[in-house]
Amino acid sequence: MSQIQSTKGDLTNNNIITGVVLVIFSMIAIFWLIPGFVDEPSDYRLSGLSPRFFPYLSAIVLGIWSAIMILENMVKRKKNADVSVVEESEENETLAFGKKEIINCILFLLGSIVYMVMLKFSGFIISSSVILGFMMFLARVRILVLIPVSILVPVVISQVLWLTLEFPLP
């Protein structure tokens, strides 16, 4: 079992790993999640964009930006092969991307996959409330803020879309 060590500010290797994970996630979304879980009605051509358009667009943009992040950090690693780069915050604390951050990134990606699956079975409001609460919990938002926000935001979004655009969410 390999151990992830703190980088003391040199985030190049971890950025490459994160980029690879995000490219893999975008490929999973493009080839499995979106075709399998976003319905495409037969008459969408008459009404405009396909319901799959924005999910595909998001997954493709995520994949492109992740690939750019990988390439950029590979070039940076090559340039700084013998120079140690240490970033410091405004409070002169050394920044590190360690085990906890990688676990949060993986949990975020898994949460996104669960959200896509859950959306098909439980609808927008319930799925969005659960996933928003989960993501806010990962971000260590206080419970007194987490609960009302995770419930009210999906309800407000759903109602605004319905009342202004007459666009029902699942």
N, C-alpha and C. Protein backbone atom coordinates (compact mmCIF):
# COMPACT_ATOMS: atom_id res chain seq x y z
N MET A 1 0.84 -1.17 0.00
CA MET A 1 0.00 0.00 0.00
C MET A 1 0.89 1.23 0.00
N SER A 2 0.68 2.11 -0.98
CA SER A 2 1.51 3.30 -1.05
C SER A 2 0.96 4.38 -0.13
N GLN A 3 1.86 5.18 0.37
CA GLN A 3 1.48 6.25 1.26
C GLN A 3 1.61 7.58 0.54
N ILE A 4 0.64 8.45 0.72
CA ILE A 4 0.69 9.77 0.12
C ILE A 4 1.37 10.69 1.12
N GLN A 5 2.44 11.33 0.68
CA GLN A 5 3.19 12.19 1.57
C GLN A 5 2.87 13.64 1.28
N SER A 6 3.03 14.47 2.29
CA SER A 6 2.83 15.89 2.11
C SER A 6 3.90 16.44 1.18
N THR A 7 3.50 17.35 0.34
CA THR A 7 4.41 17.87 -0.67
C THR A 7 5.08 19.16 -0.25
N LYS A 8 4.74 19.71 0.89
CA LYS A 8 5.30 20.97 1.37
C LYS A 8 5.18 22.07 0.32
N GLY A 9 4.08 22.11 -0.38
CA GLY A 9 3.84 23.18 -1.33
C GLY A 9 4.03 22.80 -2.79
N ASP A 10 4.80 21.75 -3.10
CA ASP A 10 4.99 21.34 -4.48
C ASP A 10 3.81 20.48 -4.88
N LEU A 11 2.86 21.08 -5.57
CA LEU A 11 1.60 20.42 -5.88
C LEU A 11 1.60 19.75 -7.25
N THR A 12 2.72 19.74 -7.95
CA THR A 12 2.76 19.27 -9.33
C THR A 12 2.30 17.83 -9.45
N ASN A 13 2.86 16.91 -8.67
CA ASN A 13 2.49 15.50 -8.79
C ASN A 13 1.03 15.29 -8.43
N ASN A 14 0.57 15.94 -7.37
CA ASN A 14 -0.83 15.77 -6.97
C ASN A 14 -1.78 16.40 -7.97
N ASN A 15 -1.38 17.50 -8.60
CA ASN A 15 -2.22 18.10 -9.65
C ASN A 15 -2.33 17.16 -10.84
N ILE A 16 -1.25 16.47 -11.18
CA ILE A 16 -1.29 15.51 -12.28
C ILE A 16 -2.23 14.35 -11.93
N ILE A 17 -2.13 13.85 -10.70
CA ILE A 17 -3.00 12.76 -10.27
C ILE A 17 -4.47 13.21 -10.28
N THR A 18 -4.73 14.40 -9.75
CA THR A 18 -6.09 14.93 -9.75
C THR A 18 -6.60 15.11 -11.17
N GLY A 19 -5.76 15.61 -12.07
CA GLY A 19 -6.14 15.78 -13.47
C GLY A 19 -6.49 14.46 -14.12
N VAL A 20 -5.71 13.42 -13.84
CA VAL A 20 -5.99 12.09 -14.41
C VAL A 20 -7.32 11.57 -13.88
N VAL A 21 -7.56 11.73 -12.59
CA VAL A 21 -8.83 11.27 -12.00
C VAL A 21 -10.00 12.02 -12.63
N LEU A 22 -9.86 13.32 -12.84
CA LEU A 22 -10.94 14.11 -13.43
C LEU A 22 -11.16 13.75 -14.91
N VAL A 23 -10.09 13.45 -15.64
CA VAL A 23 -10.25 13.01 -17.03
C VAL A 23 -11.00 11.67 -17.06
N ILE A 24 -10.63 10.77 -16.17
CA ILE A 24 -11.32 9.47 -16.09
C ILE A 24 -12.80 9.69 -15.75
N PHE A 25 -13.07 10.58 -14.79
CA PHE A 25 -14.46 10.87 -14.43
C PHE A 25 -15.24 11.44 -15.61
N SER A 26 -14.61 12.36 -16.35
CA SER A 26 -15.32 12.94 -17.50
C SER A 26 -15.60 11.90 -18.57
N MET A 27 -14.68 10.96 -18.76
CA MET A 27 -14.90 9.87 -19.73
C MET A 27 -16.05 8.97 -19.26
N ILE A 28 -16.08 8.68 -17.96
CA ILE A 28 -17.18 7.87 -17.41
C ILE A 28 -18.51 8.60 -17.63
N ALA A 29 -18.51 9.91 -17.40
CA ALA A 29 -19.74 10.68 -17.59
C ALA A 29 -20.16 10.69 -19.06
N ILE A 30 -19.20 10.89 -19.96
CA ILE A 30 -19.52 10.98 -21.39
C ILE A 30 -20.01 9.65 -21.95
N PHE A 31 -19.36 8.56 -21.57
CA PHE A 31 -19.68 7.28 -22.20
C PHE A 31 -20.64 6.39 -21.41
N TRP A 32 -20.88 6.68 -20.10
CA TRP A 32 -21.77 5.82 -19.34
C TRP A 32 -22.88 6.58 -18.62
N LEU A 33 -22.51 7.59 -17.81
CA LEU A 33 -23.51 8.25 -16.99
C LEU A 33 -24.55 9.01 -17.82
N ILE A 34 -24.11 9.85 -18.73
CA ILE A 34 -25.04 10.68 -19.49
C ILE A 34 -25.91 9.84 -20.43
N PRO A 35 -25.31 8.94 -21.23
CA PRO A 35 -26.18 8.12 -22.10
C PRO A 35 -27.12 7.21 -21.31
N GLY A 36 -26.68 6.75 -20.14
CA GLY A 36 -27.50 5.81 -19.38
C GLY A 36 -28.55 6.43 -18.49
N PHE A 37 -28.33 7.69 -18.07
CA PHE A 37 -29.21 8.26 -17.07
C PHE A 37 -29.87 9.58 -17.45
N VAL A 38 -29.54 10.14 -18.60
CA VAL A 38 -30.20 11.37 -19.06
C VAL A 38 -31.06 10.99 -20.26
N ASP A 39 -32.37 11.02 -20.05
CA ASP A 39 -33.30 10.62 -21.11
C ASP A 39 -33.30 11.63 -22.25
N GLU A 40 -33.44 11.10 -23.45
CA GLU A 40 -33.50 11.95 -24.63
C GLU A 40 -34.81 11.64 -25.36
N PRO A 41 -35.79 12.53 -25.24
CA PRO A 41 -37.07 12.28 -25.92
C PRO A 41 -36.89 12.31 -27.44
N SER A 42 -37.77 11.61 -28.13
CA SER A 42 -37.66 11.52 -29.58
C SER A 42 -38.01 12.83 -30.28
N ASP A 43 -38.76 13.72 -29.64
CA ASP A 43 -39.18 14.96 -30.29
C ASP A 43 -38.36 16.17 -29.88
N TYR A 44 -37.17 15.99 -29.29
CA TYR A 44 -36.39 17.13 -28.83
C TYR A 44 -35.88 17.98 -30.00
N ARG A 45 -35.70 17.40 -31.16
CA ARG A 45 -35.18 18.16 -32.30
C ARG A 45 -36.10 19.31 -32.68
N LEU A 46 -37.37 19.17 -32.39
CA LEU A 46 -38.32 20.21 -32.72
C LEU A 46 -38.31 21.35 -31.69
N SER A 47 -37.89 21.05 -30.48
CA SER A 47 -37.98 22.05 -29.41
C SER A 47 -36.65 22.72 -29.08
N GLY A 48 -35.54 22.34 -29.67
CA GLY A 48 -34.27 23.00 -29.39
C GLY A 48 -33.19 22.02 -28.97
N LEU A 49 -32.47 22.37 -27.93
CA LEU A 49 -31.35 21.56 -27.48
C LEU A 49 -31.80 20.27 -26.80
N SER A 50 -30.99 19.27 -26.95
CA SER A 50 -31.23 17.98 -26.29
C SER A 50 -31.02 18.14 -24.79
N PRO A 51 -31.74 17.36 -23.97
CA PRO A 51 -31.50 17.39 -22.53
C PRO A 51 -30.09 16.93 -22.16
N ARG A 52 -29.42 16.26 -23.08
CA ARG A 52 -28.06 15.79 -22.83
C ARG A 52 -27.00 16.84 -23.17
N PHE A 53 -27.42 17.96 -23.78
CA PHE A 53 -26.45 18.95 -24.26
C PHE A 53 -25.57 19.50 -23.14
N PHE A 54 -26.18 20.04 -22.08
CA PHE A 54 -25.39 20.66 -21.01
C PHE A 54 -24.59 19.64 -20.20
N PRO A 55 -25.13 18.45 -19.90
CA PRO A 55 -24.26 17.46 -19.24
C PRO A 55 -23.05 17.08 -20.10
N TYR A 56 -23.27 16.88 -21.41
CA TYR A 56 -22.14 16.58 -22.29
C TYR A 56 -21.16 17.75 -22.33
N LEU A 57 -21.68 18.96 -22.44
CA LEU A 57 -20.83 20.14 -22.48
C LEU A 57 -19.99 20.24 -21.20
N SER A 58 -20.62 20.02 -20.06
CA SER A 58 -19.90 20.09 -18.78
C SER A 58 -18.82 19.02 -18.70
N ALA A 59 -19.15 17.79 -19.08
CA ALA A 59 -18.18 16.70 -19.02
C ALA A 59 -17.02 16.93 -19.99
N ILE A 60 -17.31 17.44 -21.18
CA ILE A 60 -16.25 17.70 -22.15
C ILE A 60 -15.34 18.83 -21.67
N VAL A 61 -15.93 19.91 -21.15
CA VAL A 61 -15.12 21.01 -20.63
C VAL A 61 -14.27 20.54 -19.45
N LEU A 62 -14.85 19.74 -18.56
CA LEU A 62 -14.09 19.19 -17.45
C LEU A 62 -12.91 18.36 -17.95
N GLY A 63 -13.14 17.52 -18.95
CA GLY A 63 -12.07 16.70 -19.51
C GLY A 63 -10.99 17.53 -20.15
N ILE A 64 -11.37 18.57 -20.90
CA ILE A 64 -10.38 19.43 -21.56
C ILE A 64 -9.55 20.20 -20.53
N TRP A 65 -10.22 20.81 -19.55
CA TRP A 65 -9.48 21.56 -18.53
C TRP A 65 -8.59 20.65 -17.70
N SER A 66 -9.04 19.44 -17.43
CA SER A 66 -8.21 18.49 -16.68
C SER A 66 -6.99 18.08 -17.48
N ALA A 67 -7.17 17.85 -18.78
CA ALA A 67 -6.03 17.52 -19.65
C ALA A 67 -5.04 18.68 -19.70
N ILE A 68 -5.55 19.91 -19.77
CA ILE A 68 -4.67 21.08 -19.76
C ILE A 68 -3.91 21.16 -18.44
N MET A 69 -4.60 20.86 -17.32
CA MET A 69 -3.94 20.87 -16.02
C MET A 69 -2.82 19.83 -15.97
N ILE A 70 -3.07 18.64 -16.53
CA ILE A 70 -2.05 17.60 -16.56
C ILE A 70 -0.84 18.07 -17.37
N LEU A 71 -1.09 18.57 -18.57
CA LEU A 71 0.01 19.01 -19.43
C LEU A 71 0.79 20.17 -18.80
N GLU A 72 0.08 21.13 -18.24
CA GLU A 72 0.72 22.27 -17.62
C GLU A 72 1.63 21.84 -16.46
N ASN A 73 1.15 20.92 -15.65
CA ASN A 73 1.94 20.48 -14.51
C ASN A 73 3.09 19.56 -14.91
N MET A 74 2.92 18.83 -16.02
CA MET A 74 4.04 18.03 -16.51
C MET A 74 5.16 18.94 -17.02
N VAL A 75 4.79 20.02 -17.70
CA VAL A 75 5.79 20.98 -18.16
C VAL A 75 6.45 21.67 -16.96
N LYS A 76 5.64 22.05 -15.98
CA LYS A 76 6.17 22.70 -14.79
C LYS A 76 7.13 21.78 -14.03
N ARG A 77 6.76 20.49 -13.96
CA ARG A 77 7.62 19.53 -13.26
C ARG A 77 8.95 19.38 -13.99
N LYS A 78 8.89 19.37 -15.32
CA LYS A 78 10.12 19.25 -16.11
C LYS A 78 11.02 20.47 -15.91
N LYS A 79 10.43 21.68 -15.91
CA LYS A 79 11.20 22.91 -15.72
C LYS A 79 11.81 23.00 -14.33
N ASN A 80 11.06 22.55 -13.33
CA ASN A 80 11.50 22.67 -11.95
C ASN A 80 12.03 21.35 -11.40
N ALA A 81 12.63 20.55 -12.22
CA ALA A 81 13.09 19.23 -11.78
C ALA A 81 14.07 19.32 -10.63
N ASP A 82 14.97 20.29 -10.66
CA ASP A 82 15.94 20.37 -9.59
C ASP A 82 15.73 21.58 -8.68
N VAL A 83 14.61 22.29 -8.86
CA VAL A 83 14.31 23.44 -8.02
C VAL A 83 13.09 23.10 -7.17
N SER A 84 13.21 23.25 -5.88
CA SER A 84 12.09 22.97 -4.99
C SER A 84 11.20 24.20 -4.91
N VAL A 85 9.91 24.01 -5.16
CA VAL A 85 8.95 25.11 -5.13
C VAL A 85 8.12 24.98 -3.85
N VAL A 86 8.13 26.02 -3.05
CA VAL A 86 7.33 26.04 -1.83
C VAL A 86 6.43 27.25 -1.89
N GLU A 87 5.12 26.99 -1.79
CA GLU A 87 4.16 28.09 -1.78
C GLU A 87 3.81 28.38 -0.33
N GLU A 88 3.59 29.63 -0.04
CA GLU A 88 3.18 30.00 1.29
C GLU A 88 1.92 30.84 1.20
N SER A 89 1.08 30.69 2.20
CA SER A 89 -0.14 31.48 2.24
C SER A 89 0.18 32.86 2.79
N GLU A 90 -0.84 33.70 2.90
CA GLU A 90 -0.64 35.03 3.43
C GLU A 90 -0.17 35.01 4.89
N GLU A 91 -0.53 33.96 5.61
CA GLU A 91 -0.13 33.85 7.01
C GLU A 91 1.20 33.11 7.14
N ASN A 92 1.93 32.94 6.01
CA ASN A 92 3.22 32.26 5.97
C ASN A 92 3.12 30.80 6.41
N GLU A 93 1.99 30.17 6.14
CA GLU A 93 1.84 28.75 6.40
C GLU A 93 2.15 28.00 5.11
N THR A 94 2.85 26.89 5.21
CA THR A 94 3.16 26.10 4.03
C THR A 94 1.91 25.38 3.57
N LEU A 95 1.59 25.49 2.29
CA LEU A 95 0.42 24.84 1.74
C LEU A 95 0.79 23.43 1.28
N ALA A 96 -0.06 22.47 1.54
CA ALA A 96 0.21 21.10 1.11
C ALA A 96 -1.08 20.46 0.62
N PHE A 97 -0.96 19.62 -0.34
CA PHE A 97 -2.08 18.86 -0.89
C PHE A 97 -1.81 17.42 -0.51
N GLY A 98 -2.42 16.98 0.55
CA GLY A 98 -2.09 15.67 1.08
C GLY A 98 -3.22 14.67 0.97
N LYS A 99 -3.15 13.70 1.84
CA LYS A 99 -4.09 12.58 1.83
C LYS A 99 -5.54 13.03 2.01
N LYS A 100 -5.75 13.97 2.93
CA LYS A 100 -7.12 14.42 3.21
C LYS A 100 -7.74 15.11 1.99
N GLU A 101 -6.97 15.90 1.27
CA GLU A 101 -7.47 16.60 0.09
C GLU A 101 -7.79 15.63 -1.04
N ILE A 102 -6.94 14.62 -1.22
CA ILE A 102 -7.19 13.62 -2.26
C ILE A 102 -8.45 12.81 -1.92
N ILE A 103 -8.61 12.46 -0.66
CA ILE A 103 -9.81 11.72 -0.24
C ILE A 103 -11.06 12.57 -0.48
N ASN A 104 -11.00 13.87 -0.17
CA ASN A 104 -12.14 14.76 -0.43
C ASN A 104 -12.44 14.87 -1.92
N CYS A 105 -11.40 14.91 -2.75
CA CYS A 105 -11.60 14.97 -4.20
C CYS A 105 -12.29 13.70 -4.69
N ILE A 106 -11.85 12.55 -4.21
CA ILE A 106 -12.46 11.27 -4.59
C ILE A 106 -13.91 11.20 -4.10
N LEU A 107 -14.15 11.64 -2.86
CA LEU A 107 -15.52 11.65 -2.34
C LEU A 107 -16.42 12.58 -3.14
N PHE A 108 -15.88 13.71 -3.57
CA PHE A 108 -16.64 14.64 -4.41
C PHE A 108 -17.02 13.97 -5.74
N LEU A 109 -16.08 13.28 -6.36
CA LEU A 109 -16.36 12.61 -7.62
C LEU A 109 -17.38 11.48 -7.43
N LEU A 110 -17.22 10.70 -6.37
CA LEU A 110 -18.19 9.63 -6.09
C LEU A 110 -19.57 10.21 -5.80
N GLY A 111 -19.60 11.31 -5.07
CA GLY A 111 -20.87 11.98 -4.80
C GLY A 111 -21.55 12.44 -6.07
N SER A 112 -20.77 12.92 -7.03
CA SER A 112 -21.33 13.35 -8.31
C SER A 112 -21.93 12.18 -9.08
N ILE A 113 -21.26 11.03 -9.04
CA ILE A 113 -21.79 9.84 -9.71
C ILE A 113 -23.08 9.38 -9.03
N VAL A 114 -23.08 9.36 -7.70
CA VAL A 114 -24.28 8.97 -6.95
C VAL A 114 -25.42 9.93 -7.26
N TYR A 115 -25.11 11.22 -7.39
CA TYR A 115 -26.13 12.22 -7.72
C TYR A 115 -26.77 11.93 -9.07
N MET A 116 -25.96 11.61 -10.07
CA MET A 116 -26.51 11.31 -11.40
C MET A 116 -27.45 10.10 -11.34
N VAL A 117 -27.07 9.09 -10.59
CA VAL A 117 -27.90 7.89 -10.47
C VAL A 117 -29.15 8.20 -9.65
N MET A 118 -28.96 8.91 -8.54
CA MET A 118 -30.07 9.23 -7.64
C MET A 118 -31.10 10.13 -8.32
N LEU A 119 -30.64 11.02 -9.18
CA LEU A 119 -31.53 11.96 -9.87
C LEU A 119 -32.60 11.23 -10.67
N LYS A 120 -32.24 10.10 -11.25
CA LYS A 120 -33.19 9.33 -12.06
C LYS A 120 -34.29 8.72 -11.19
N PHE A 121 -33.95 8.34 -9.96
CA PHE A 121 -34.91 7.61 -9.13
C PHE A 121 -35.66 8.48 -8.12
N SER A 122 -35.05 9.55 -7.62
CA SER A 122 -35.73 10.31 -6.57
C SER A 122 -36.04 11.75 -6.94
N GLY A 123 -35.69 12.18 -8.14
CA GLY A 123 -36.03 13.53 -8.57
C GLY A 123 -35.02 14.58 -8.15
N PHE A 124 -35.23 15.79 -8.67
CA PHE A 124 -34.25 16.87 -8.49
C PHE A 124 -34.16 17.36 -7.06
N ILE A 125 -35.27 17.64 -6.42
CA ILE A 125 -35.24 18.28 -5.10
C ILE A 125 -34.60 17.37 -4.06
N ILE A 126 -35.02 16.13 -4.00
CA ILE A 126 -34.45 15.21 -3.00
C ILE A 126 -32.98 14.92 -3.29
N SER A 127 -32.66 14.61 -4.54
CA SER A 127 -31.27 14.30 -4.90
C SER A 127 -30.36 15.49 -4.66
N SER A 128 -30.81 16.67 -5.08
CA SER A 128 -29.98 17.87 -4.92
C SER A 128 -29.81 18.23 -3.45
N SER A 129 -30.84 18.05 -2.65
CA SER A 129 -30.71 18.33 -1.23
C SER A 129 -29.70 17.41 -0.58
N VAL A 130 -29.76 16.13 -0.91
CA VAL A 130 -28.82 15.16 -0.33
C VAL A 130 -27.39 15.47 -0.77
N ILE A 131 -27.17 15.67 -2.06
CA ILE A 131 -25.80 15.87 -2.55
C ILE A 131 -25.25 17.22 -2.09
N LEU A 132 -26.10 18.26 -2.06
CA LEU A 132 -25.64 19.56 -1.59
C LEU A 132 -25.26 19.49 -0.11
N GLY A 133 -26.06 18.79 0.68
CA GLY A 133 -25.72 18.60 2.09
C GLY A 133 -24.43 17.84 2.25
N PHE A 134 -24.23 16.80 1.44
CA PHE A 134 -22.99 16.00 1.49
C PHE A 134 -21.78 16.84 1.12
N MET A 135 -21.89 17.62 0.05
CA MET A 135 -20.76 18.46 -0.38
C MET A 135 -20.46 19.55 0.65
N MET A 136 -21.49 20.13 1.23
CA MET A 136 -21.28 21.14 2.26
C MET A 136 -20.66 20.51 3.51
N PHE A 137 -21.04 19.28 3.83
CA PHE A 137 -20.43 18.57 4.95
C PHE A 137 -18.95 18.34 4.69
N LEU A 138 -18.60 17.95 3.45
CA LEU A 138 -17.18 17.78 3.10
C LEU A 138 -16.41 19.09 3.23
N ALA A 139 -17.09 20.20 2.95
CA ALA A 139 -16.45 21.51 3.05
C ALA A 139 -16.48 22.05 4.48
N ARG A 140 -16.97 21.27 5.39
CA ARG A 140 -17.03 21.60 6.82
C ARG A 140 -17.89 22.84 7.11
N VAL A 141 -19.03 22.92 6.44
CA VAL A 141 -19.97 24.00 6.70
C VAL A 141 -20.75 23.63 7.96
N ARG A 142 -21.04 24.61 8.79
CA ARG A 142 -21.76 24.35 10.03
C ARG A 142 -23.15 23.78 9.76
N ILE A 143 -23.61 22.92 10.63
CA ILE A 143 -24.91 22.26 10.50
C ILE A 143 -26.05 23.27 10.44
N LEU A 144 -25.95 24.35 11.21
CA LEU A 144 -27.02 25.36 11.21
C LEU A 144 -27.16 26.05 9.86
N VAL A 145 -26.13 26.06 9.06
CA VAL A 145 -26.18 26.61 7.71
C VAL A 145 -26.48 25.50 6.71
N LEU A 146 -25.86 24.36 6.90
CA LEU A 146 -25.95 23.23 5.98
C LEU A 146 -27.39 22.77 5.75
N ILE A 147 -28.14 22.55 6.79
CA ILE A 147 -29.49 21.99 6.66
C ILE A 147 -30.43 22.93 5.90
N PRO A 148 -30.57 24.19 6.31
CA PRO A 148 -31.51 25.04 5.55
C PRO A 148 -31.06 25.30 4.11
N VAL A 149 -29.77 25.49 3.90
CA VAL A 149 -29.29 25.76 2.54
C VAL A 149 -29.49 24.55 1.65
N SER A 150 -29.16 23.37 2.14
CA SER A 150 -29.27 22.17 1.31
C SER A 150 -30.73 21.83 1.00
N ILE A 151 -31.66 22.30 1.78
CA ILE A 151 -33.07 22.06 1.49
C ILE A 151 -33.65 23.20 0.65
N LEU A 152 -33.36 24.43 1.01
CA LEU A 152 -33.99 25.57 0.33
C LEU A 152 -33.46 25.84 -1.08
N VAL A 153 -32.17 25.68 -1.31
CA VAL A 153 -31.60 26.00 -2.63
C VAL A 153 -32.22 25.14 -3.73
N PRO A 154 -32.30 23.80 -3.59
CA PRO A 154 -32.94 23.01 -4.66
C PRO A 154 -34.42 23.35 -4.84
N VAL A 155 -35.12 23.63 -3.76
CA VAL A 155 -36.54 23.98 -3.86
C VAL A 155 -36.69 25.31 -4.61
N VAL A 156 -35.87 26.29 -4.27
CA VAL A 156 -35.94 27.60 -4.93
C VAL A 156 -35.58 27.47 -6.41
N ILE A 157 -34.51 26.73 -6.72
CA ILE A 157 -34.12 26.55 -8.13
C ILE A 157 -35.25 25.88 -8.91
N SER A 158 -35.83 24.84 -8.34
CA SER A 158 -36.92 24.13 -9.01
C SER A 158 -38.12 25.05 -9.25
N GLN A 159 -38.48 25.82 -8.26
CA GLN A 159 -39.64 26.70 -8.40
C GLN A 159 -39.37 27.86 -9.36
N VAL A 160 -38.17 28.41 -9.31
CA VAL A 160 -37.84 29.50 -10.23
C VAL A 160 -37.87 29.00 -11.67
N LEU A 161 -37.30 27.85 -11.92
CA LEU A 161 -37.32 27.30 -13.27
C LEU A 161 -38.74 26.99 -13.73
N TRP A 162 -39.56 26.51 -12.82
CA TRP A 162 -40.93 26.19 -13.19
C TRP A 162 -41.76 27.46 -13.42
N LEU A 163 -41.65 28.43 -12.52
CA LEU A 163 -42.49 29.62 -12.62
C LEU A 163 -42.03 30.58 -13.73
N THR A 164 -40.72 30.66 -13.98
CA THR A 164 -40.26 31.61 -14.99
C THR A 164 -40.16 31.00 -16.38
N LEU A 165 -39.67 29.79 -16.46
CA LEU A 165 -39.45 29.16 -17.77
C LEU A 165 -40.42 28.03 -18.08
N GLU A 166 -41.28 27.70 -17.10
CA GLU A 166 -42.18 26.55 -17.22
C GLU A 166 -41.39 25.30 -17.60
N PHE A 167 -40.27 25.14 -16.92
CA PHE A 167 -39.35 24.03 -17.18
C PHE A 167 -39.35 23.11 -15.97
N PRO A 168 -40.08 22.00 -16.04
CA PRO A 168 -40.13 21.11 -14.89
C PRO A 168 -38.86 20.27 -14.77
N LEU A 169 -38.36 20.17 -13.56
CA LEU A 169 -37.22 19.30 -13.29
C LEU A 169 -37.75 17.95 -12.83
N PRO A 170 -36.98 16.89 -13.02
CA PRO A 170 -37.47 15.55 -12.65
C PRO A 170 -37.71 15.41 -11.17
